[in-house]
Amino acid sequence: MPVAGAVLDGGRRGRSRRRLGGGESLDGGPQPALRVHEEVGGGDDLLAFRDAVEDLDLPDVTLVNQDGVRVTLREILTCAGGPVLVDFVYTTCTTICPVLSINFQNFQRTIHEESGKAHLVSISVDPEFDTPKEMKAYLKRYQAKPGWDFLTGSREDVDRVLKAFKVYARNKMDHPPVILLKSPKDKRWVRLYGLIGTTELLVEYEKVRP
């Protein structure tokens, strides 16, 4: 099965559209082909797909959340004891980040009765600007409930995290629209690539829910 591509949002900024395939990374370098399992959505702008990822080797770095509290990455990804969902945004983004964050907002509203069991984590791709104050205001804008954290840190530590999650881009405006999910009972992560809707996200959540 050929690797699905995704049209990045360059067209919205006046650049030519380009597709990301298995042999091209966001910075133009080689990248191993993704193991696509199934398409989960899509549209004219982005073709979304689901990819099962092996256990990721995440760095044990210390980051800072929206309250200015220092937390280790491994701690924040396991503290809820339930499924964890991770996306990558920045507070001044006007293209794909609002779509990702509205998805998280709708997700929390939909599962409100068990929202404490699922932990949402947004990781900044612009740590130089995204201070705890900016991140807290961003979460308020999307009416975030407890169980949704926003993390930043030093440029070096954030880059290590982005590379470990395989979402690193040299330019923050080129960061990919990705949500990763993991069940507390499974070491593997599931990668959702593209701007999927809340309905599709809930379907994937049910698959990793204990």
N, C-alpha and C. Protein backbone atom coordinates (compact mmCIF):
# COMPACT_ATOMS: atom_id res chain seq x y z
N MET A 1 0.86 -1.20 0.00
CA MET A 1 0.00 0.00 0.00
C MET A 1 0.88 1.24 0.00
N PRO A 2 0.66 2.19 -0.90
CA PRO A 2 1.49 3.38 -0.94
C PRO A 2 1.29 4.23 0.28
N VAL A 3 2.31 4.96 0.65
CA VAL A 3 2.21 5.83 1.81
C VAL A 3 1.32 7.00 1.48
N ALA A 4 0.38 7.28 2.38
CA ALA A 4 -0.52 8.41 2.17
C ALA A 4 0.26 9.70 2.33
N GLY A 5 -0.13 10.73 1.61
CA GLY A 5 0.52 12.03 1.73
C GLY A 5 -0.37 12.99 2.45
N ALA A 6 0.19 14.12 2.85
CA ALA A 6 -0.62 15.16 3.48
C ALA A 6 -0.20 16.49 2.93
N VAL A 7 -1.13 17.26 2.44
CA VAL A 7 -0.82 18.59 1.94
C VAL A 7 -0.68 19.52 3.12
N LEU A 8 0.49 20.11 3.28
CA LEU A 8 0.68 21.06 4.38
C LEU A 8 -0.04 22.35 4.06
N ASP A 9 -0.15 23.24 5.04
CA ASP A 9 -0.99 24.41 4.85
C ASP A 9 -0.26 25.56 4.20
N GLY A 10 0.80 25.29 3.48
CA GLY A 10 1.55 26.36 2.84
C GLY A 10 0.71 27.20 1.91
N GLY A 11 -0.32 26.57 1.29
CA GLY A 11 -1.15 27.32 0.37
C GLY A 11 -1.85 28.48 1.03
N ARG A 12 -2.10 28.38 2.32
CA ARG A 12 -2.78 29.46 3.03
C ARG A 12 -1.86 30.66 3.21
N ARG A 13 -0.57 30.44 3.12
CA ARG A 13 0.37 31.54 3.29
C ARG A 13 0.96 31.96 1.94
N GLY A 14 0.33 31.51 0.83
CA GLY A 14 0.78 31.95 -0.47
C GLY A 14 1.89 31.11 -1.04
N ARG A 15 2.29 30.03 -0.37
CA ARG A 15 3.34 29.18 -0.90
C ARG A 15 2.70 28.05 -1.68
N SER A 16 3.49 27.41 -2.52
CA SER A 16 2.97 26.26 -3.26
C SER A 16 2.74 25.11 -2.30
N ARG A 17 1.70 24.33 -2.57
CA ARG A 17 1.41 23.18 -1.74
C ARG A 17 2.43 22.09 -2.03
N ARG A 18 2.75 21.29 -1.04
CA ARG A 18 3.61 20.14 -1.26
C ARG A 18 3.11 18.98 -0.42
N ARG A 19 3.37 17.80 -0.90
CA ARG A 19 2.92 16.61 -0.20
C ARG A 19 4.09 15.98 0.55
N LEU A 20 3.80 15.46 1.71
CA LEU A 20 4.81 14.81 2.53
C LEU A 20 4.63 13.31 2.38
N GLY A 21 5.60 12.66 1.83
CA GLY A 21 5.53 11.22 1.64
C GLY A 21 6.49 10.52 2.56
N GLY A 22 6.65 9.21 2.35
CA GLY A 22 7.48 8.43 3.25
C GLY A 22 8.95 8.75 3.15
N GLY A 23 9.40 9.34 2.00
CA GLY A 23 10.83 9.56 1.85
C GLY A 23 11.26 10.98 2.09
N GLU A 24 10.37 11.84 2.55
CA GLU A 24 10.69 13.25 2.71
C GLU A 24 10.35 13.69 4.11
N SER A 25 11.29 14.34 4.78
CA SER A 25 11.01 14.88 6.11
C SER A 25 10.60 16.33 5.97
N LEU A 26 10.16 16.94 7.06
CA LEU A 26 9.72 18.32 7.00
C LEU A 26 10.84 19.28 6.64
N ASP A 27 12.09 18.89 6.95
CA ASP A 27 13.19 19.78 6.62
C ASP A 27 13.88 19.34 5.33
N GLY A 28 13.26 18.44 4.57
CA GLY A 28 13.80 18.06 3.28
C GLY A 28 14.74 16.88 3.33
N GLY A 29 15.07 16.38 4.51
CA GLY A 29 16.00 15.25 4.61
C GLY A 29 15.29 13.93 4.49
N PRO A 30 16.03 12.83 4.43
CA PRO A 30 15.41 11.52 4.31
C PRO A 30 14.67 11.14 5.57
N GLN A 31 13.63 10.35 5.41
CA GLN A 31 12.83 9.90 6.54
C GLN A 31 12.32 8.50 6.22
N PRO A 32 12.35 7.60 7.19
CA PRO A 32 11.82 6.26 6.94
C PRO A 32 10.34 6.33 6.60
N ALA A 33 9.90 5.41 5.75
CA ALA A 33 8.50 5.38 5.37
C ALA A 33 7.62 5.08 6.59
N LEU A 34 6.51 5.79 6.69
CA LEU A 34 5.56 5.54 7.76
C LEU A 34 4.76 4.29 7.45
N ARG A 35 4.35 3.57 8.48
CA ARG A 35 3.56 2.37 8.31
C ARG A 35 2.09 2.75 8.43
N VAL A 36 1.45 3.05 7.33
CA VAL A 36 0.08 3.51 7.37
C VAL A 36 -0.86 2.33 7.52
N HIS A 37 -1.76 2.41 8.47
CA HIS A 37 -2.73 1.35 8.69
C HIS A 37 -4.06 1.65 8.02
N GLU A 38 -4.53 2.88 8.13
CA GLU A 38 -5.83 3.19 7.56
C GLU A 38 -5.99 4.70 7.50
N GLU A 39 -6.76 5.14 6.51
CA GLU A 39 -7.12 6.54 6.45
C GLU A 39 -8.27 6.78 7.42
N VAL A 40 -8.23 7.92 8.12
CA VAL A 40 -9.27 8.20 9.10
C VAL A 40 -10.08 9.45 8.78
N GLY A 41 -9.76 10.12 7.73
CA GLY A 41 -10.51 11.32 7.39
C GLY A 41 -9.85 11.99 6.22
N GLY A 42 -10.09 13.25 6.05
CA GLY A 42 -9.40 13.94 4.97
C GLY A 42 -10.30 14.97 4.31
N GLY A 43 -9.72 15.72 3.41
CA GLY A 43 -10.45 16.75 2.70
C GLY A 43 -9.56 17.32 1.63
N ASP A 44 -9.90 18.49 1.14
CA ASP A 44 -9.12 19.08 0.08
C ASP A 44 -7.77 19.54 0.56
N ASP A 45 -7.65 19.92 1.83
CA ASP A 45 -6.41 20.48 2.33
C ASP A 45 -5.48 19.42 2.90
N LEU A 46 -6.02 18.47 3.62
CA LEU A 46 -5.17 17.50 4.31
C LEU A 46 -5.76 16.11 4.20
N LEU A 47 -4.92 15.15 3.84
CA LEU A 47 -5.33 13.76 3.86
C LEU A 47 -4.87 13.17 5.17
N ALA A 48 -5.80 12.73 6.00
CA ALA A 48 -5.46 12.25 7.33
C ALA A 48 -5.27 10.74 7.30
N PHE A 49 -4.34 10.26 8.10
CA PHE A 49 -4.18 8.83 8.21
C PHE A 49 -3.71 8.44 9.59
N ARG A 50 -3.90 7.17 9.89
CA ARG A 50 -3.56 6.60 11.19
C ARG A 50 -2.36 5.69 11.00
N ASP A 51 -1.38 5.83 11.88
CA ASP A 51 -0.16 5.03 11.79
C ASP A 51 0.20 4.52 13.18
N ALA A 52 0.35 3.22 13.32
CA ALA A 52 0.79 2.65 14.60
C ALA A 52 2.29 2.83 14.71
N VAL A 53 2.72 3.39 15.81
CA VAL A 53 4.13 3.69 16.02
C VAL A 53 4.65 2.80 17.15
N GLU A 54 5.85 2.33 16.99
CA GLU A 54 6.44 1.54 18.07
C GLU A 54 6.70 2.42 19.29
N ASP A 55 7.03 1.80 20.39
CA ASP A 55 7.34 2.51 21.62
C ASP A 55 8.40 3.57 21.35
N LEU A 56 8.08 4.82 21.63
CA LEU A 56 9.00 5.93 21.36
C LEU A 56 9.97 6.11 22.52
N ASP A 57 11.19 6.43 22.20
CA ASP A 57 12.21 6.67 23.21
C ASP A 57 12.20 8.15 23.57
N LEU A 58 11.38 8.50 24.55
CA LEU A 58 11.19 9.90 24.90
C LEU A 58 12.22 10.34 25.93
N PRO A 59 12.78 11.53 25.77
CA PRO A 59 13.80 12.01 26.71
C PRO A 59 13.18 12.36 28.06
N ASP A 60 13.92 12.16 29.11
CA ASP A 60 13.42 12.47 30.46
C ASP A 60 13.80 13.91 30.80
N VAL A 61 13.20 14.84 30.05
CA VAL A 61 13.52 16.26 30.22
C VAL A 61 12.51 16.90 31.18
N THR A 62 12.91 18.02 31.76
CA THR A 62 12.00 18.79 32.61
C THR A 62 11.47 19.97 31.81
N LEU A 63 10.15 20.09 31.76
CA LEU A 63 9.49 21.17 31.05
C LEU A 63 8.68 22.01 32.04
N VAL A 64 8.02 23.03 31.54
CA VAL A 64 7.24 23.94 32.39
C VAL A 64 5.82 24.01 31.85
N ASN A 65 4.83 23.89 32.74
CA ASN A 65 3.45 23.95 32.27
C ASN A 65 2.88 25.36 32.35
N GLN A 66 1.60 25.50 32.05
CA GLN A 66 0.95 26.81 31.98
C GLN A 66 0.86 27.51 33.32
N ASP A 67 1.07 26.78 34.40
CA ASP A 67 1.07 27.38 35.73
C ASP A 67 2.48 27.72 36.22
N GLY A 68 3.46 27.51 35.37
CA GLY A 68 4.84 27.78 35.75
C GLY A 68 5.46 26.67 36.58
N VAL A 69 4.79 25.52 36.64
CA VAL A 69 5.28 24.39 37.43
C VAL A 69 6.19 23.52 36.57
N ARG A 70 7.35 23.17 37.11
CA ARG A 70 8.29 22.32 36.40
C ARG A 70 7.85 20.86 36.55
N VAL A 71 7.76 20.17 35.42
CA VAL A 71 7.35 18.76 35.41
C VAL A 71 8.23 18.00 34.45
N THR A 72 8.47 16.73 34.75
CA THR A 72 9.21 15.92 33.79
C THR A 72 8.24 15.41 32.74
N LEU A 73 8.75 15.23 31.54
CA LEU A 73 7.89 14.77 30.45
C LEU A 73 7.27 13.42 30.77
N ARG A 74 8.07 12.51 31.28
CA ARG A 74 7.55 11.17 31.58
C ARG A 74 6.48 11.23 32.67
N GLU A 75 6.66 12.11 33.62
CA GLU A 75 5.66 12.26 34.68
C GLU A 75 4.34 12.76 34.13
N ILE A 76 4.40 13.78 33.28
CA ILE A 76 3.18 14.40 32.77
C ILE A 76 2.42 13.45 31.85
N LEU A 77 3.13 12.53 31.20
CA LEU A 77 2.48 11.62 30.27
C LEU A 77 1.87 10.41 30.96
N THR A 78 2.13 10.26 32.25
CA THR A 78 1.60 9.10 32.96
C THR A 78 0.78 9.47 34.20
N CYS A 79 0.68 10.77 34.51
CA CYS A 79 0.09 11.18 35.79
C CYS A 79 -1.40 10.86 35.90
N ALA A 80 -2.12 10.84 34.77
CA ALA A 80 -3.56 10.61 34.85
C ALA A 80 -3.91 9.14 34.99
N GLY A 81 -3.00 8.28 34.61
CA GLY A 81 -3.27 6.85 34.67
C GLY A 81 -4.22 6.35 33.60
N GLY A 82 -4.56 7.22 32.66
CA GLY A 82 -5.47 6.85 31.57
C GLY A 82 -4.83 7.16 30.24
N PRO A 83 -5.62 7.15 29.17
CA PRO A 83 -5.08 7.47 27.85
C PRO A 83 -4.51 8.89 27.82
N VAL A 84 -3.47 9.08 27.04
CA VAL A 84 -2.88 10.40 26.88
C VAL A 84 -2.91 10.76 25.40
N LEU A 85 -3.25 12.02 25.13
CA LEU A 85 -3.31 12.55 23.77
C LEU A 85 -2.37 13.75 23.71
N VAL A 86 -1.50 13.79 22.73
CA VAL A 86 -0.49 14.84 22.62
C VAL A 86 -0.59 15.52 21.26
N ASP A 87 -0.58 16.86 21.27
CA ASP A 87 -0.45 17.58 20.01
C ASP A 87 0.63 18.65 20.16
N PHE A 88 0.91 19.36 19.08
CA PHE A 88 2.04 20.29 19.03
C PHE A 88 1.56 21.58 18.38
N VAL A 89 1.59 22.66 19.16
CA VAL A 89 1.03 23.93 18.71
C VAL A 89 1.90 25.09 19.20
N TYR A 90 1.54 26.30 18.79
CA TYR A 90 2.13 27.50 19.40
C TYR A 90 1.08 28.59 19.45
N THR A 91 1.21 29.48 20.41
CA THR A 91 0.11 30.36 20.77
C THR A 91 -0.20 31.43 19.73
N THR A 92 0.75 31.78 18.86
CA THR A 92 0.49 32.81 17.86
C THR A 92 0.12 32.22 16.51
N CYS A 93 -0.01 30.93 16.43
CA CYS A 93 -0.36 30.25 15.18
C CYS A 93 -1.79 30.61 14.78
N THR A 94 -2.00 30.83 13.49
CA THR A 94 -3.35 31.18 12.99
C THR A 94 -3.83 30.19 11.94
N THR A 95 -3.11 29.09 11.73
CA THR A 95 -3.50 28.14 10.68
C THR A 95 -3.97 26.83 11.30
N ILE A 96 -3.08 25.86 11.45
CA ILE A 96 -3.52 24.54 11.90
C ILE A 96 -3.69 24.43 13.41
N CYS A 97 -2.99 25.26 14.19
CA CYS A 97 -3.08 25.14 15.65
C CYS A 97 -4.48 25.38 16.19
N PRO A 98 -5.19 26.42 15.75
CA PRO A 98 -6.56 26.59 16.24
C PRO A 98 -7.45 25.39 15.93
N VAL A 99 -7.24 24.76 14.79
CA VAL A 99 -8.05 23.58 14.44
C VAL A 99 -7.75 22.43 15.40
N LEU A 100 -6.46 22.21 15.68
CA LEU A 100 -6.08 21.16 16.62
C LEU A 100 -6.65 21.45 18.01
N SER A 101 -6.57 22.70 18.43
CA SER A 101 -7.02 23.05 19.78
C SER A 101 -8.53 23.01 19.91
N ILE A 102 -9.25 23.40 18.88
CA ILE A 102 -10.71 23.26 18.90
C ILE A 102 -11.09 21.79 18.99
N ASN A 103 -10.31 20.94 18.35
CA ASN A 103 -10.55 19.50 18.43
C ASN A 103 -10.40 19.01 19.88
N PHE A 104 -9.35 19.45 20.55
CA PHE A 104 -9.17 19.10 21.96
C PHE A 104 -10.31 19.67 22.81
N GLN A 105 -10.70 20.90 22.52
CA GLN A 105 -11.80 21.52 23.26
C GLN A 105 -13.08 20.70 23.11
N ASN A 106 -13.43 20.35 21.89
CA ASN A 106 -14.64 19.56 21.65
C ASN A 106 -14.52 18.17 22.26
N PHE A 107 -13.32 17.62 22.23
CA PHE A 107 -13.09 16.31 22.83
C PHE A 107 -13.39 16.35 24.33
N GLN A 108 -12.87 17.37 25.02
CA GLN A 108 -13.14 17.48 26.45
C GLN A 108 -14.62 17.67 26.75
N ARG A 109 -15.30 18.44 25.94
CA ARG A 109 -16.73 18.65 26.15
C ARG A 109 -17.50 17.35 25.98
N THR A 110 -17.09 16.55 24.99
CA THR A 110 -17.82 15.33 24.69
C THR A 110 -17.65 14.27 25.76
N ILE A 111 -16.44 14.18 26.33
CA ILE A 111 -16.18 13.13 27.33
C ILE A 111 -16.15 13.73 28.73
N HIS A 112 -16.91 14.78 28.97
CA HIS A 112 -16.80 15.53 30.22
C HIS A 112 -16.96 14.66 31.46
N GLU A 113 -17.76 13.61 31.37
CA GLU A 113 -17.99 12.77 32.55
C GLU A 113 -16.75 11.97 32.94
N GLU A 114 -15.85 11.76 31.99
CA GLU A 114 -14.63 11.01 32.31
C GLU A 114 -13.39 11.78 31.87
N SER A 115 -13.53 13.12 31.81
CA SER A 115 -12.42 13.95 31.33
C SER A 115 -11.17 13.80 32.18
N GLY A 116 -11.35 13.45 33.46
CA GLY A 116 -10.18 13.28 34.31
C GLY A 116 -9.39 12.03 34.00
N LYS A 117 -9.98 11.14 33.22
CA LYS A 117 -9.29 9.89 32.90
C LYS A 117 -8.42 10.01 31.67
N ALA A 118 -8.69 10.99 30.84
CA ALA A 118 -7.90 11.22 29.63
C ALA A 118 -7.08 12.49 29.82
N HIS A 119 -5.81 12.42 29.50
CA HIS A 119 -4.93 13.57 29.72
C HIS A 119 -4.53 14.14 28.37
N LEU A 120 -4.84 15.40 28.13
CA LEU A 120 -4.45 16.10 26.92
C LEU A 120 -3.20 16.91 27.20
N VAL A 121 -2.24 16.82 26.31
CA VAL A 121 -0.98 17.54 26.47
C VAL A 121 -0.65 18.24 25.16
N SER A 122 -0.54 19.55 25.21
CA SER A 122 -0.08 20.34 24.06
C SER A 122 1.36 20.76 24.35
N ILE A 123 2.22 20.57 23.38
CA ILE A 123 3.64 20.92 23.53
C ILE A 123 3.96 22.05 22.57
N SER A 124 4.54 23.11 23.08
CA SER A 124 4.85 24.28 22.26
C SER A 124 5.99 24.00 21.28
N VAL A 125 5.82 24.48 20.05
CA VAL A 125 6.92 24.43 19.09
C VAL A 125 7.59 25.79 18.99
N ASP A 126 7.19 26.72 19.86
CA ASP A 126 7.76 28.08 19.89
C ASP A 126 8.10 28.46 21.33
N PRO A 127 9.03 27.73 21.94
CA PRO A 127 9.29 27.95 23.37
C PRO A 127 9.87 29.31 23.69
N GLU A 128 10.49 29.98 22.72
CA GLU A 128 11.03 31.31 23.00
C GLU A 128 9.93 32.31 23.32
N PHE A 129 8.77 32.15 22.71
CA PHE A 129 7.67 33.09 22.93
C PHE A 129 6.64 32.54 23.91
N ASP A 130 6.41 31.25 23.88
CA ASP A 130 5.33 30.66 24.68
C ASP A 130 5.72 30.49 26.14
N THR A 131 5.50 31.54 26.90
CA THR A 131 5.73 31.53 28.34
C THR A 131 4.50 30.94 29.03
N PRO A 132 4.62 30.59 30.31
CA PRO A 132 3.43 30.12 31.03
C PRO A 132 2.25 31.08 30.92
N LYS A 133 2.50 32.39 30.97
CA LYS A 133 1.42 33.36 30.86
C LYS A 133 0.71 33.25 29.52
N GLU A 134 1.48 33.14 28.44
CA GLU A 134 0.89 33.02 27.10
C GLU A 134 0.12 31.71 26.97
N MET A 135 0.69 30.64 27.52
CA MET A 135 0.04 29.33 27.41
C MET A 135 -1.25 29.28 28.21
N LYS A 136 -1.25 29.90 29.37
CA LYS A 136 -2.46 29.91 30.19
C LYS A 136 -3.58 30.68 29.50
N ALA A 137 -3.23 31.80 28.88
CA ALA A 137 -4.22 32.57 28.14
C ALA A 137 -4.74 31.77 26.94
N TYR A 138 -3.87 31.03 26.32
CA TYR A 138 -4.27 30.21 25.17
C TYR A 138 -5.27 29.13 25.60
N LEU A 139 -4.97 28.45 26.70
CA LEU A 139 -5.89 27.41 27.19
C LEU A 139 -7.23 28.02 27.59
N LYS A 140 -7.20 29.21 28.18
CA LYS A 140 -8.46 29.88 28.56
C LYS A 140 -9.28 30.19 27.31
N ARG A 141 -8.61 30.58 26.23
CA ARG A 141 -9.29 30.90 24.98
C ARG A 141 -10.09 29.70 24.48
N TYR A 142 -9.55 28.51 24.73
CA TYR A 142 -10.22 27.28 24.27
C TYR A 142 -10.97 26.58 25.40
N GLN A 143 -11.21 27.33 26.47
CA GLN A 143 -12.03 26.84 27.60
C GLN A 143 -11.55 25.48 28.09
N ALA A 144 -10.23 25.36 28.22
CA ALA A 144 -9.65 24.09 28.66
C ALA A 144 -10.07 23.75 30.07
N LYS A 145 -10.39 22.50 30.28
CA LYS A 145 -10.76 21.99 31.60
C LYS A 145 -9.55 21.29 32.21
N PRO A 146 -9.60 20.99 33.52
CA PRO A 146 -8.51 20.22 34.13
C PRO A 146 -8.26 18.94 33.34
N GLY A 147 -7.01 18.61 33.19
CA GLY A 147 -6.66 17.45 32.38
C GLY A 147 -6.09 17.82 31.03
N TRP A 148 -5.98 19.14 30.76
CA TRP A 148 -5.33 19.62 29.53
C TRP A 148 -4.18 20.52 29.95
N ASP A 149 -2.96 20.08 29.68
CA ASP A 149 -1.76 20.84 30.02
C ASP A 149 -1.05 21.32 28.77
N PHE A 150 -0.38 22.46 28.91
CA PHE A 150 0.41 23.06 27.83
C PHE A 150 1.84 23.16 28.36
N LEU A 151 2.81 22.65 27.59
CA LEU A 151 4.18 22.58 28.06
C LEU A 151 5.13 23.37 27.17
N THR A 152 6.11 23.98 27.82
CA THR A 152 7.20 24.65 27.11
C THR A 152 8.50 24.31 27.83
N GLY A 153 9.57 24.87 27.39
CA GLY A 153 10.87 24.59 28.00
C GLY A 153 11.97 25.29 27.24
N SER A 154 13.19 24.90 27.48
CA SER A 154 14.30 25.47 26.72
C SER A 154 14.21 25.00 25.28
N ARG A 155 14.79 25.76 24.36
CA ARG A 155 14.79 25.36 22.96
C ARG A 155 15.42 23.99 22.78
N GLU A 156 16.50 23.74 23.49
CA GLU A 156 17.19 22.45 23.37
C GLU A 156 16.30 21.30 23.83
N ASP A 157 15.66 21.47 24.97
CA ASP A 157 14.82 20.39 25.50
C ASP A 157 13.58 20.17 24.64
N VAL A 158 12.96 21.25 24.18
CA VAL A 158 11.79 21.11 23.33
C VAL A 158 12.15 20.43 22.02
N ASP A 159 13.29 20.78 21.44
CA ASP A 159 13.71 20.13 20.20
C ASP A 159 13.94 18.64 20.41
N ARG A 160 14.49 18.27 21.55
CA ARG A 160 14.67 16.84 21.85
C ARG A 160 13.33 16.12 21.90
N VAL A 161 12.35 16.77 22.49
CA VAL A 161 11.02 16.17 22.59
C VAL A 161 10.39 16.05 21.20
N LEU A 162 10.46 17.11 20.40
CA LEU A 162 9.87 17.08 19.06
C LEU A 162 10.52 16.02 18.19
N LYS A 163 11.82 15.88 18.29
CA LYS A 163 12.51 14.87 17.50
C LYS A 163 12.13 13.46 17.97
N ALA A 164 11.97 13.29 19.27
CA ALA A 164 11.59 11.97 19.79
C ALA A 164 10.20 11.58 19.33
N PHE A 165 9.30 12.56 19.23
CA PHE A 165 7.95 12.30 18.74
C PHE A 165 7.88 12.29 17.21
N LYS A 166 9.01 12.59 16.56
CA LYS A 166 9.12 12.61 15.09
C LYS A 166 8.21 13.67 14.46
N VAL A 167 8.21 14.85 15.08
CA VAL A 167 7.42 15.97 14.54
C VAL A 167 8.27 17.24 14.41
N TYR A 168 9.58 17.08 14.49
CA TYR A 168 10.47 18.25 14.46
C TYR A 168 10.44 18.92 13.08
N ALA A 169 10.38 20.25 13.09
CA ALA A 169 10.51 21.04 11.87
C ALA A 169 11.40 22.24 12.19
N ARG A 170 12.25 22.62 11.27
CA ARG A 170 13.16 23.75 11.51
C ARG A 170 12.39 25.06 11.69
N ASN A 171 11.31 25.21 10.94
CA ASN A 171 10.48 26.41 11.02
C ASN A 171 9.18 26.05 11.71
N LYS A 172 8.82 26.79 12.73
CA LYS A 172 7.60 26.47 13.48
C LYS A 172 6.37 26.49 12.59
N MET A 173 6.39 27.29 11.53
CA MET A 173 5.24 27.38 10.64
C MET A 173 5.06 26.13 9.79
N ASP A 174 6.06 25.26 9.80
CA ASP A 174 5.99 24.02 9.03
C ASP A 174 5.71 22.81 9.90
N HIS A 175 5.38 23.03 11.16
CA HIS A 175 5.17 21.88 12.03
C HIS A 175 3.95 21.09 11.56
N PRO A 176 3.99 19.77 11.65
CA PRO A 176 2.91 18.94 11.10
C PRO A 176 1.69 18.88 11.99
N PRO A 177 0.52 18.69 11.40
CA PRO A 177 -0.71 18.51 12.18
C PRO A 177 -0.82 17.07 12.67
N VAL A 178 -0.36 16.84 13.87
CA VAL A 178 -0.26 15.47 14.39
C VAL A 178 -0.87 15.41 15.79
N ILE A 179 -1.62 14.35 16.06
CA ILE A 179 -2.04 14.00 17.41
C ILE A 179 -1.55 12.58 17.66
N LEU A 180 -0.92 12.38 18.81
CA LEU A 180 -0.48 11.04 19.20
C LEU A 180 -1.28 10.58 20.40
N LEU A 181 -1.68 9.31 20.40
CA LEU A 181 -2.45 8.73 21.48
C LEU A 181 -1.75 7.49 22.01
N LYS A 182 -1.92 7.25 23.31
CA LYS A 182 -1.35 6.04 23.90
C LYS A 182 -2.24 5.56 25.04
N SER A 183 -2.45 4.26 25.08
CA SER A 183 -3.15 3.65 26.19
C SER A 183 -2.18 3.40 27.33
N PRO A 184 -2.62 3.50 28.58
CA PRO A 184 -1.72 3.21 29.70
C PRO A 184 -1.31 1.73 29.73
N LYS A 185 -2.04 0.89 28.99
CA LYS A 185 -1.74 -0.53 28.98
C LYS A 185 -0.86 -0.94 27.80
N ASP A 186 -0.47 0.02 26.98
CA ASP A 186 0.29 -0.29 25.78
C ASP A 186 1.46 0.68 25.67
N LYS A 187 2.61 0.18 25.28
CA LYS A 187 3.78 1.05 25.12
C LYS A 187 3.77 1.76 23.77
N ARG A 188 2.98 1.27 22.84
CA ARG A 188 2.97 1.87 21.51
C ARG A 188 2.13 3.14 21.46
N TRP A 189 2.55 4.05 20.61
CA TRP A 189 1.79 5.26 20.34
C TRP A 189 1.09 5.11 19.00
N VAL A 190 -0.05 5.74 18.86
CA VAL A 190 -0.77 5.80 17.60
C VAL A 190 -0.69 7.23 17.09
N ARG A 191 -0.24 7.40 15.85
CA ARG A 191 -0.08 8.72 15.25
C ARG A 191 -1.25 9.00 14.32
N LEU A 192 -1.94 10.11 14.56
CA LEU A 192 -3.01 10.58 13.68
C LEU A 192 -2.49 11.80 12.94
N TYR A 193 -2.30 11.66 11.65
CA TYR A 193 -1.68 12.72 10.85
C TYR A 193 -2.75 13.40 10.01
N GLY A 194 -2.90 14.70 10.20
CA GLY A 194 -3.88 15.45 9.43
C GLY A 194 -4.92 16.08 10.34
N LEU A 195 -5.75 16.91 9.78
CA LEU A 195 -6.76 17.62 10.56
C LEU A 195 -8.04 16.80 10.62
N ILE A 196 -8.04 15.80 11.46
CA ILE A 196 -9.22 14.96 11.61
C ILE A 196 -10.26 15.69 12.45
N GLY A 197 -11.49 15.23 12.37
CA GLY A 197 -12.55 15.83 13.16
C GLY A 197 -12.66 15.19 14.53
N THR A 198 -13.49 15.79 15.37
CA THR A 198 -13.66 15.27 16.73
C THR A 198 -14.26 13.87 16.71
N THR A 199 -15.15 13.60 15.77
CA THR A 199 -15.75 12.27 15.68
C THR A 199 -14.69 11.21 15.46
N GLU A 200 -13.76 11.49 14.52
CA GLU A 200 -12.68 10.53 14.26
C GLU A 200 -11.76 10.40 15.46
N LEU A 201 -11.51 11.52 16.14
CA LEU A 201 -10.66 11.48 17.32
C LEU A 201 -11.28 10.62 18.41
N LEU A 202 -12.58 10.73 18.59
CA LEU A 202 -13.26 9.93 19.60
C LEU A 202 -13.22 8.45 19.25
N VAL A 203 -13.31 8.11 17.98
CA VAL A 203 -13.19 6.72 17.55
C VAL A 203 -11.82 6.17 17.93
N GLU A 204 -10.78 6.96 17.68
CA GLU A 204 -9.42 6.52 18.00
C GLU A 204 -9.23 6.45 19.52
N TYR A 205 -9.84 7.37 20.24
CA TYR A 205 -9.75 7.35 21.70
C TYR A 205 -10.35 6.08 22.26
N GLU A 206 -11.47 5.64 21.71
CA GLU A 206 -12.12 4.43 22.19
C GLU A 206 -11.22 3.21 22.00
N LYS A 207 -10.36 3.26 20.99
CA LYS A 207 -9.47 2.13 20.71
C LYS A 207 -8.35 2.01 21.76
N VAL A 208 -7.99 3.13 22.40
CA VAL A 208 -6.91 3.09 23.40
C VAL A 208 -7.44 3.22 24.82
N ARG A 209 -8.74 3.39 24.94
CA ARG A 209 -9.35 3.54 26.26
C ARG A 209 -9.34 2.19 26.99
N PRO A 210 -8.91 2.17 28.28
CA PRO A 210 -8.85 0.90 29.03
C PRO A 210 -10.23 0.26 29.17
